[in-house]
Amino acid sequence: MKLMLPATWSSVLLRLGVGVVFLYFGVDKFIHPEVWAGCINPRLLYYMPVSQDVFLYVNGGVEGVVGLLLILGLWTRIAASVAAVFLIGILVTVGVTDVTVRDIAIFAASLSLVLTGSKT
C-alpha cells in the first residue's frame, strides 16, 4: 500500500471540495430553478440566445459534470478550467457582493487545480 504525502492529500481535498460545491449547485439548479432564476442579472437576459430556463438547465448540467469530474479526479485541469471560467462569469455579471465573495475563494481553488492538476 502506497502512503500518500501531505501535499497529495491537500490536492485531493481541494479537488473534492471544489467538486462537491459544483455538483451541489449544479443539481440544485434542477431542483430549485426558481431560486436560481432570481440570481441572473436582468441585463444578461436580454443578450441570451435561449430562454432563462434553458440557460439554467445547461448551466446546472455543466456544473454537475464539472463537479463529478473533479470528485472522480478525471480531466482535473480541464474541469477546473471550466469551473474557473464559470466563476469569472459569475463575478463579472453579478459583481462582488456579500454572497459572491466566496466565489473568489472557489476561483482561487479552481486556479490552483488548473496549475497542479490531481495528485491521484
C-alpha atoms as a PDB file:
ATOM      1  CA  MET A   1       0.000   0.000   0.000  1.00  0.00           C
ATOM      2  CA  LYS A   2       1.367   3.362  -1.006  1.00  0.00           C
ATOM      3  CA  LEU A   3       1.354   6.097   1.643  1.00  0.00           C
ATOM      4  CA  MET A   4       0.043   9.478   0.439  1.00  0.00           C
ATOM      5  CA  LEU A   5       2.133  12.512   1.273  1.00  0.00           C
ATOM      6  CA  PRO A   6       0.504  15.611   2.819  1.00  0.00           C
ATOM      7  CA  ALA A   7       0.810  17.505  -0.490  1.00  0.00           C
ATOM      8  CA  THR A   8      -1.119  14.710  -2.197  1.00  0.00           C
ATOM      9  CA  TRP A   9      -3.855  14.825   0.451  1.00  0.00           C
ATOM     10  CA  SER A  10      -4.014  18.582   0.039  1.00  0.00           C
ATOM     11  CA  SER A  11      -4.621  18.242  -3.693  1.00  0.00           C
ATOM     12  CA  VAL A  12      -7.258  15.553  -3.167  1.00  0.00           C
ATOM     13  CA  LEU A  13      -9.094  17.614  -0.536  1.00  0.00           C
ATOM     14  CA  LEU A  14      -9.027  20.703  -2.751  1.00  0.00           C
ATOM     15  CA  ARG A  15     -10.337  18.719  -5.721  1.00  0.00           C
ATOM     16  CA  LEU A  16     -13.094  17.115  -3.636  1.00  0.00           C
ATOM     17  CA  GLY A  17     -14.090  20.422  -2.061  1.00  0.00           C
ATOM     18  CA  VAL A  18     -14.461  22.271  -5.354  1.00  0.00           C
ATOM     19  CA  GLY A  19     -16.100  19.221  -6.915  1.00  0.00           C
ATOM     20  CA  VAL A  20     -18.746  18.912  -4.208  1.00  0.00           C
ATOM     21  CA  VAL A  21     -19.565  22.618  -4.452  1.00  0.00           C
ATOM     22  CA  PHE A  22     -20.040  22.436  -8.222  1.00  0.00           C
ATOM     23  CA  LEU A  23     -22.018  19.191  -8.068  1.00  0.00           C
ATOM     24  CA  TYR A  24     -24.284  20.582  -5.341  1.00  0.00           C
ATOM     25  CA  PHE A  25     -25.043  23.837  -7.158  1.00  0.00           C
ATOM     26  CA  GLY A  26     -25.430  22.050 -10.498  1.00  0.00           C
ATOM     27  CA  VAL A  27     -28.010  19.619  -9.107  1.00  0.00           C
ATOM     28  CA  ASP A  28     -29.756  22.374  -7.159  1.00  0.00           C
ATOM     29  CA  LYS A  29     -30.417  24.277 -10.391  1.00  0.00           C
ATOM     30  CA  PHE A  30     -32.623  21.364 -11.474  1.00  0.00           C
ATOM     31  CA  ILE A  31     -34.354  21.086  -8.092  1.00  0.00           C
ATOM     32  CA  HIS A  32     -34.919  24.809  -7.425  1.00  0.00           C
ATOM     33  CA  PRO A  33     -34.698  26.657 -10.768  1.00  0.00           C
ATOM     34  CA  GLU A  34     -36.983  29.415  -9.487  1.00  0.00           C
ATOM     35  CA  VAL A  35     -34.435  30.356  -6.808  1.00  0.00           C
ATOM     36  CA  TRP A  36     -31.588  30.481  -9.317  1.00  0.00           C
ATOM     37  CA  ALA A  37     -33.636  32.466 -11.838  1.00  0.00           C
ATOM     38  CA  GLY A  38     -33.563  35.369  -9.394  1.00  0.00           C
ATOM     39  CA  CYS A  39     -29.767  35.316  -9.397  1.00  0.00           C
ATOM     40  CA  ILE A  40     -29.431  36.064 -13.106  1.00  0.00           C
ATOM     41  CA  ASN A  41     -28.710  39.689 -13.866  1.00  0.00           C
ATOM     42  CA  PRO A  42     -31.777  41.048 -15.744  1.00  0.00           C
ATOM     43  CA  ARG A  43     -29.497  42.838 -18.239  1.00  0.00           C
ATOM     44  CA  LEU A  44     -27.972  39.486 -19.151  1.00  0.00           C
ATOM     45  CA  LEU A  45     -31.395  38.055 -20.039  1.00  0.00           C
ATOM     46  CA  TYR A  46     -31.658  40.475 -22.951  1.00  0.00           C
ATOM     47  CA  TYR A  47     -28.498  39.067 -24.576  1.00  0.00           C
ATOM     48  CA  MET A  48     -29.139  35.355 -24.001  1.00  0.00           C
ATOM     49  CA  PRO A  49     -29.999  33.401 -27.168  1.00  0.00           C
ATOM     50  CA  VAL A  50     -32.052  30.894 -25.135  1.00  0.00           C
ATOM     51  CA  SER A  51     -34.750  31.125 -22.502  1.00  0.00           C
ATOM     52  CA  GLN A  52     -33.847  31.627 -18.886  1.00  0.00           C
ATOM     53  CA  ASP A  53     -34.931  28.059 -18.047  1.00  0.00           C
ATOM     54  CA  VAL A  54     -32.770  26.527 -20.777  1.00  0.00           C
ATOM     55  CA  PHE A  55     -29.836  28.656 -19.634  1.00  0.00           C
ATOM     56  CA  LEU A  56     -30.268  27.444 -16.035  1.00  0.00           C
ATOM     57  CA  TYR A  57     -30.532  23.781 -17.014  1.00  0.00           C
ATOM     58  CA  VAL A  58     -27.495  23.920 -19.302  1.00  0.00           C
ATOM     59  CA  ASN A  59     -25.585  25.809 -16.616  1.00  0.00           C
ATOM     60  CA  GLY A  60     -26.618  23.260 -13.975  1.00  0.00           C
ATOM     61  CA  GLY A  61     -25.700  20.363 -16.241  1.00  0.00           C
ATOM     62  CA  VAL A  62     -22.240  21.724 -16.941  1.00  0.00           C
ATOM     63  CA  GLU A  63     -21.678  22.475 -13.251  1.00  0.00           C
ATOM     64  CA  GLY A  64     -22.792  18.961 -12.329  1.00  0.00           C
ATOM     65  CA  VAL A  65     -20.454  17.351 -14.867  1.00  0.00           C
ATOM     66  CA  VAL A  66     -17.555  19.559 -13.718  1.00  0.00           C
ATOM     67  CA  GLY A  67     -18.273  18.574 -10.124  1.00  0.00           C
ATOM     68  CA  LEU A  68     -18.342  14.856 -10.951  1.00  0.00           C
ATOM     69  CA  LEU A  69     -15.131  15.059 -12.956  1.00  0.00           C
ATOM     70  CA  LEU A  70     -13.366  16.792 -10.072  1.00  0.00           C
ATOM     71  CA  ILE A  71     -14.696  14.345  -7.498  1.00  0.00           C
ATOM     72  CA  LEU A  72     -13.591  11.393  -9.635  1.00  0.00           C
ATOM     73  CA  GLY A  73     -10.258  13.010 -10.468  1.00  0.00           C
ATOM     74  CA  LEU A  74     -10.849  12.811 -14.223  1.00  0.00           C
ATOM     75  CA  TRP A  75      -9.546  15.526 -16.546  1.00  0.00           C
ATOM     76  CA  THR A  76      -8.907  17.647 -13.473  1.00  0.00           C
ATOM     77  CA  ARG A  77      -7.194  20.546 -15.216  1.00  0.00           C
ATOM     78  CA  ILE A  78      -9.890  20.822 -17.876  1.00  0.00           C
ATOM     79  CA  ALA A  79     -12.723  20.585 -15.325  1.00  0.00           C
ATOM     80  CA  ALA A  80     -11.028  23.124 -13.061  1.00  0.00           C
ATOM     81  CA  SER A  81     -10.535  25.458 -16.037  1.00  0.00           C
ATOM     82  CA  VAL A  82     -14.253  25.303 -16.822  1.00  0.00           C
ATOM     83  CA  ALA A  83     -15.000  25.938 -13.140  1.00  0.00           C
ATOM     84  CA  ALA A  84     -12.720  28.982 -13.125  1.00  0.00           C
ATOM     85  CA  VAL A  85     -14.357  30.385 -16.269  1.00  0.00           C
ATOM     86  CA  PHE A  86     -17.810  29.890 -14.734  1.00  0.00           C
ATOM     87  CA  LEU A  87     -16.732  31.726 -11.593  1.00  0.00           C
ATOM     88  CA  ILE A  88     -15.262  34.616 -13.577  1.00  0.00           C
ATOM     89  CA  GLY A  89     -18.563  34.839 -15.447  1.00  0.00           C
ATOM     90  CA  ILE A  90     -20.464  34.992 -12.161  1.00  0.00           C
ATOM     91  CA  LEU A  91     -18.198  37.678 -10.761  1.00  0.00           C
ATOM     92  CA  VAL A  92     -18.423  39.755 -13.946  1.00  0.00           C
ATOM     93  CA  THR A  93     -22.198  39.528 -14.340  1.00  0.00           C
ATOM     94  CA  VAL A  94     -23.251  39.636 -10.686  1.00  0.00           C
ATOM     95  CA  GLY A  95     -20.360  41.591  -9.252  1.00  0.00           C
ATOM     96  CA  VAL A  96     -18.668  41.199  -5.915  1.00  0.00           C
ATOM     97  CA  THR A  97     -21.286  41.032  -3.173  1.00  0.00           C
ATOM     98  CA  ASP A  98     -21.506  39.554   0.309  1.00  0.00           C
ATOM     99  CA  VAL A  99     -22.565  36.296  -1.332  1.00  0.00           C
ATOM    100  CA  THR A 100     -20.207  36.179  -4.317  1.00  0.00           C
ATOM    101  CA  VAL A 101     -17.123  36.952  -2.258  1.00  0.00           C
ATOM    102  CA  ARG A 102     -16.978  33.193  -1.566  1.00  0.00           C
ATOM    103  CA  ASP A 103     -16.673  32.689  -5.318  1.00  0.00           C
ATOM    104  CA  ILE A 104     -13.298  34.427  -5.210  1.00  0.00           C
ATOM    105  CA  ALA A 105     -12.032  31.681  -2.874  1.00  0.00           C
ATOM    106  CA  ILE A 106     -13.541  28.932  -5.043  1.00  0.00           C
ATOM    107  CA  PHE A 107     -11.997  30.629  -8.090  1.00  0.00           C
ATOM    108  CA  ALA A 108      -8.579  30.583  -6.383  1.00  0.00           C
ATOM    109  CA  ALA A 109      -9.046  26.901  -5.515  1.00  0.00           C
ATOM    110  CA  SER A 110     -10.020  26.144  -9.118  1.00  0.00           C
ATOM    111  CA  LEU A 111      -6.969  28.015 -10.393  1.00  0.00           C
ATOM    112  CA  SER A 112      -4.781  26.012  -8.045  1.00  0.00           C
ATOM    113  CA  LEU A 113      -6.184  22.806  -9.527  1.00  0.00           C
ATOM    114  CA  VAL A 114      -5.574  24.127 -13.045  1.00  0.00           C
ATOM    115  CA  LEU A 115      -1.911  24.677 -12.151  1.00  0.00           C
ATOM    116  CA  THR A 116      -1.320  21.484 -10.161  1.00  0.00           C
ATOM    117  CA  GLY A 117      -3.808  19.009 -11.579  1.00  0.00           C
ATOM    118  CA  SER A 118      -4.675  15.974  -9.487  1.00  0.00           C
ATOM    119  CA  LYS A 119      -2.051  14.134  -7.493  1.00  0.00           C
ATOM    120  CA  THR A 120      -4.017  10.883  -7.567  1.00  0.00           C
END
